[in-house]
N, C-alpha and C. Protein backbone atom coordinates (compact mmCIF):
# COMPACT_ATOMS: atom_id res chain seq x y z
N UNK A 1 -58.57 131.94 171.07
CA UNK A 1 -57.06 132.34 171.19
C UNK A 1 -56.17 131.93 170.28
N UNK A 2 -56.63 130.45 169.69
CA UNK A 2 -55.81 130.42 168.69
C UNK A 2 -55.76 130.96 167.58
N UNK A 3 -57.07 131.34 167.38
CA UNK A 3 -57.09 132.27 166.00
C UNK A 3 -56.65 132.99 166.04
N UNK A 4 -56.92 133.89 167.27
CA UNK A 4 -56.11 135.52 167.42
C UNK A 4 -54.61 135.26 166.59
N UNK A 5 -53.91 134.29 167.21
CA UNK A 5 -52.67 134.10 166.98
C UNK A 5 -52.38 133.67 165.59
N UNK A 6 -52.89 132.59 164.89
CA UNK A 6 -53.23 132.57 163.50
C UNK A 6 -53.12 133.54 162.76
N UNK A 7 -54.28 134.45 163.00
CA UNK A 7 -54.74 135.55 161.91
C UNK A 7 -53.50 136.63 162.37
N UNK A 8 -53.06 136.68 163.27
CA UNK A 8 -51.64 137.52 163.08
C UNK A 8 -50.39 137.02 162.49
N UNK A 9 -50.31 135.67 162.55
CA UNK A 9 -49.43 135.13 161.91
C UNK A 9 -49.21 135.13 160.49
N UNK A 10 -51.04 135.05 159.86
CA UNK A 10 -50.96 135.14 158.51
C UNK A 10 -50.83 136.44 157.79
N UNK A 11 -51.12 137.50 158.90
CA UNK A 11 -50.98 138.74 158.43
C UNK A 11 -49.46 139.21 158.31
N UNK A 12 -48.56 138.79 158.67
CA UNK A 12 -47.11 138.92 158.74
C UNK A 12 -46.27 138.55 157.60
N UNK A 13 -46.91 137.29 157.05
CA UNK A 13 -46.37 136.28 156.10
C UNK A 13 -47.08 136.03 154.79
N UNK A 14 -45.98 135.82 153.60
CA UNK A 14 -46.62 135.71 152.37
C UNK A 14 -47.05 134.35 152.41
N UNK A 15 -48.51 133.78 152.05
CA UNK A 15 -48.96 132.78 151.73
C UNK A 15 -48.55 131.57 152.97
N UNK A 16 -48.65 131.88 154.24
CA UNK A 16 -48.10 131.08 155.42
C UNK A 16 -48.89 129.64 155.39
N UNK A 17 -48.32 128.66 156.13
CA UNK A 17 -49.15 127.52 156.54
C UNK A 17 -48.82 127.43 158.10
N UNK A 18 -50.10 127.45 158.56
CA UNK A 18 -50.15 127.40 159.98
C UNK A 18 -50.26 126.11 160.53
N UNK A 19 -49.16 125.55 161.57
CA UNK A 19 -49.52 123.96 161.77
C UNK A 19 -49.08 123.95 163.06
N UNK A 20 -49.85 122.93 163.82
CA UNK A 20 -49.72 122.46 165.32
C UNK A 20 -49.28 121.20 165.51
N UNK A 21 -47.96 120.78 165.56
CA UNK A 21 -47.37 119.23 166.02
C UNK A 21 -48.16 118.69 167.22
N UNK A 22 -48.70 119.45 168.09
CA UNK A 22 -49.55 119.13 169.17
C UNK A 22 -50.46 118.52 168.95
N UNK A 23 -51.27 119.41 168.09
CA UNK A 23 -52.40 118.86 167.69
C UNK A 23 -52.93 118.32 166.43
N UNK A 24 -51.54 118.12 165.60
CA UNK A 24 -51.31 117.34 164.42
C UNK A 24 -52.19 117.89 163.48
N UNK A 25 -52.29 119.14 163.26
CA UNK A 25 -53.24 120.34 162.38
C UNK A 25 -52.19 120.85 161.33
N UNK A 26 -52.47 121.04 160.16
CA UNK A 26 -52.11 121.47 159.14
C UNK A 26 -50.49 120.61 158.54
N UNK A 27 -50.09 119.37 158.89
CA UNK A 27 -49.01 118.86 158.64
C UNK A 27 -49.09 118.57 156.99
N UNK A 28 -50.29 118.26 156.50
CA UNK A 28 -50.61 117.57 155.35
C UNK A 28 -50.12 118.95 153.99
N UNK A 29 -50.54 120.22 154.71
CA UNK A 29 -50.23 121.19 153.90
C UNK A 29 -49.02 121.50 153.99
N UNK A 30 -48.61 121.48 154.97
CA UNK A 30 -46.97 121.89 155.01
C UNK A 30 -46.12 121.08 154.14
N UNK A 31 -46.50 119.54 154.06
CA UNK A 31 -45.90 118.68 153.20
C UNK A 31 -46.18 119.02 151.79
N UNK A 32 -47.35 118.96 151.56
CA UNK A 32 -47.93 119.61 149.85
C UNK A 32 -47.34 120.60 149.50
N UNK A 33 -46.82 121.47 150.54
CA UNK A 33 -46.21 122.83 150.17
C UNK A 33 -44.64 122.59 150.01
N UNK A 34 -44.10 121.66 150.49
CA UNK A 34 -42.70 121.62 150.66
C UNK A 34 -42.42 120.45 149.53
N UNK A 35 -43.35 119.83 148.80
CA UNK A 35 -42.99 118.84 147.73
C UNK A 35 -43.01 119.93 146.89
N UNK A 36 -44.37 120.75 146.73
CA UNK A 36 -44.41 121.80 145.60
C UNK A 36 -43.17 122.86 145.30
N UNK A 37 -42.31 123.30 146.26
CA UNK A 37 -41.57 123.88 146.43
C UNK A 37 -40.37 123.49 145.74
N UNK A 38 -39.77 122.56 146.59
CA UNK A 38 -38.50 121.47 146.22
C UNK A 38 -38.76 120.75 144.43
N UNK A 39 -40.31 120.77 144.58
CA UNK A 39 -39.94 119.98 143.05
C UNK A 39 -39.37 120.98 141.98
N UNK A 40 -39.57 121.95 142.17
CA UNK A 40 -38.86 123.10 141.19
C UNK A 40 -37.32 123.30 141.09
N UNK A 41 -36.89 122.49 141.83
CA UNK A 41 -35.30 122.25 141.84
C UNK A 41 -35.22 121.33 141.51
N UNK A 42 -35.62 120.22 141.27
CA UNK A 42 -35.25 119.19 140.74
C UNK A 42 -35.84 118.95 139.06
N UNK A 43 -35.24 118.04 138.33
CA UNK A 43 -35.09 117.54 137.12
C UNK A 43 -34.85 116.07 137.17
N UNK A 44 -36.09 115.81 135.78
CA UNK A 44 -35.52 113.89 135.28
C UNK A 44 -34.38 114.12 134.39
N UNK A 45 -33.77 112.84 134.36
CA UNK A 45 -32.80 112.84 133.65
C UNK A 45 -32.82 111.33 133.29
N UNK A 46 -32.32 111.20 131.71
CA UNK A 46 -32.07 109.97 131.33
C UNK A 46 -30.53 110.05 130.61
N UNK A 47 -30.12 108.85 131.21
CA UNK A 47 -28.45 108.93 131.03
C UNK A 47 -28.13 107.61 130.69
N UNK A 48 -26.79 107.72 129.91
CA UNK A 48 -26.25 106.11 129.97
C UNK A 48 -25.14 106.37 130.19
N UNK A 49 -24.52 105.41 131.28
CA UNK A 49 -22.87 105.87 131.56
C UNK A 49 -22.54 104.74 131.22
N UNK A 50 -20.80 104.57 130.91
CA UNK A 50 -20.42 103.59 130.64
C UNK A 50 -19.98 102.89 132.00
N UNK A 51 -19.18 102.02 132.16
CA UNK A 51 -19.32 101.65 133.47
C UNK A 51 -18.00 101.93 134.25
N UNK A 52 -17.04 102.57 133.38
CA UNK A 52 -15.81 103.17 133.96
C UNK A 52 -16.31 104.54 134.53
N UNK A 53 -17.55 105.03 134.47
CA UNK A 53 -17.96 106.57 135.17
C UNK A 53 -18.92 106.38 136.23
N UNK A 54 -18.06 105.09 137.20
CA UNK A 54 -19.11 105.26 138.34
C UNK A 54 -19.04 106.27 139.19
N UNK A 55 -18.09 107.37 139.08
CA UNK A 55 -18.20 108.52 139.82
C UNK A 55 -19.59 109.16 139.64
N UNK A 56 -19.95 109.66 138.29
CA UNK A 56 -21.44 109.67 137.99
C UNK A 56 -22.61 109.12 138.59
N UNK A 57 -22.34 107.94 138.31
CA UNK A 57 -23.62 106.66 138.90
C UNK A 57 -23.75 107.08 140.57
N UNK A 58 -22.60 107.01 141.59
CA UNK A 58 -22.56 107.59 142.55
C UNK A 58 -23.51 108.38 142.83
N UNK A 59 -22.83 109.81 142.48
CA UNK A 59 -23.42 111.31 142.74
C UNK A 59 -24.93 111.31 142.32
N UNK A 60 -25.69 110.73 141.03
CA UNK A 60 -26.71 110.50 141.00
C UNK A 60 -27.61 109.75 142.36
N UNK A 61 -26.99 108.04 142.79
CA UNK A 61 -27.59 107.49 143.86
C UNK A 61 -27.32 108.52 145.01
N UNK A 62 -26.44 109.24 145.14
CA UNK A 62 -26.32 110.16 146.30
C UNK A 62 -27.52 111.37 146.72
N UNK A 63 -27.76 112.02 145.52
CA UNK A 63 -28.37 113.18 145.61
C UNK A 63 -29.77 113.06 144.83
N UNK A 64 -30.00 112.06 144.26
CA UNK A 64 -31.36 111.89 143.74
C UNK A 64 -31.81 110.53 143.77
N UNK A 65 -33.07 110.40 143.21
CA UNK A 65 -33.74 109.09 143.30
C UNK A 65 -34.01 108.60 142.30
N UNK A 66 -33.03 107.28 141.93
CA UNK A 66 -33.33 106.23 140.70
C UNK A 66 -34.48 105.58 140.44
N UNK A 67 -35.39 106.10 139.21
CA UNK A 67 -36.57 105.53 138.83
C UNK A 67 -36.78 104.45 138.19
N UNK A 68 -35.20 104.23 137.46
CA UNK A 68 -35.23 102.95 136.40
C UNK A 68 -33.58 102.85 136.19
N UNK A 69 -33.12 101.84 136.21
CA UNK A 69 -32.11 101.18 135.91
C UNK A 69 -31.75 99.84 135.07
N UNK A 70 -31.15 100.00 133.87
CA UNK A 70 -30.72 99.14 133.56
C UNK A 70 -29.25 98.64 133.18
N UNK A 71 -28.86 97.39 133.43
CA UNK A 71 -27.62 96.88 133.41
C UNK A 71 -27.05 96.45 131.83
N UNK A 72 -26.18 97.44 131.35
CA UNK A 72 -26.32 96.96 129.86
C UNK A 72 -24.78 96.38 129.95
N UNK A 73 -24.46 95.77 128.55
CA UNK A 73 -22.97 94.84 128.55
C UNK A 73 -22.09 95.81 128.87
N UNK A 74 -21.69 97.17 127.93
CA UNK A 74 -20.83 97.94 128.49
C UNK A 74 -21.19 99.43 129.34
N UNK A 75 -22.46 99.39 129.90
CA UNK A 75 -22.69 100.91 130.58
C UNK A 75 -24.25 100.39 131.09
N UNK A 76 -24.72 101.58 131.66
CA UNK A 76 -25.55 101.36 132.95
C UNK A 76 -26.27 102.37 132.07
N UNK A 77 -28.05 102.11 132.18
CA UNK A 77 -29.12 103.43 131.67
C UNK A 77 -29.55 103.58 132.87
N UNK A 78 -29.80 104.57 132.84
CA UNK A 78 -30.53 105.27 134.33
C UNK A 78 -31.30 106.46 134.00
N UNK A 79 -32.73 106.31 134.46
CA UNK A 79 -33.66 107.39 134.64
C UNK A 79 -33.78 107.64 136.10
N UNK A 80 -33.69 109.28 136.26
CA UNK A 80 -33.75 109.61 137.80
C UNK A 80 -34.48 111.11 138.17
N UNK A 81 -34.38 111.77 139.13
CA UNK A 81 -35.09 112.74 139.36
C UNK A 81 -33.92 113.29 140.40
N UNK A 82 -33.35 114.49 139.67
CA UNK A 82 -32.63 115.05 140.72
C UNK A 82 -31.97 116.45 140.72
N UNK A 83 -31.41 117.22 141.48
CA UNK A 83 -31.39 118.33 141.91
C UNK A 83 -30.63 118.91 140.26
N UNK A 84 -31.44 120.14 139.99
CA UNK A 84 -30.75 120.67 139.06
C UNK A 84 -29.34 121.26 138.92
N UNK A 85 -28.77 121.41 139.98
CA UNK A 85 -27.51 121.37 140.47
C UNK A 85 -26.56 120.47 139.94
N UNK A 86 -27.14 119.37 140.30
CA UNK A 86 -26.59 117.96 140.67
C UNK A 86 -26.16 117.53 138.99
N UNK A 87 -27.44 117.78 138.18
CA UNK A 87 -27.31 117.89 136.75
C UNK A 87 -26.49 118.54 135.98
N UNK A 88 -26.02 119.86 136.46
CA UNK A 88 -25.12 120.96 136.14
C UNK A 88 -24.13 120.17 135.99
N UNK A 89 -23.50 119.28 137.37
CA UNK A 89 -22.14 119.07 137.65
C UNK A 89 -21.87 117.52 136.42
N UNK A 90 -23.12 117.03 136.05
CA UNK A 90 -22.81 115.94 135.56
C UNK A 90 -22.55 115.90 134.27
N UNK A 91 -23.06 117.17 133.49
CA UNK A 91 -22.70 117.61 132.45
C UNK A 91 -21.23 117.94 131.98
């Protein structure tokens, strides 16, 4: 019975992922697809910000994943993965 439903769903959508939370099936495939799809919306940056520019620093922390940061005498060096739209806001 499940296979009939799955076949029907697969025929109605382009590249579907069939999951069952109850049976814990397909969840790894769903996670892999989400990562793949969302990674196209992200970009890596390397930026040095003066200490006075904490607004940009906070935006990076709020919307991105900071991979590396170095506090320097007059600035902060950051390597991060952020949404492309956020990068456009920073420039």
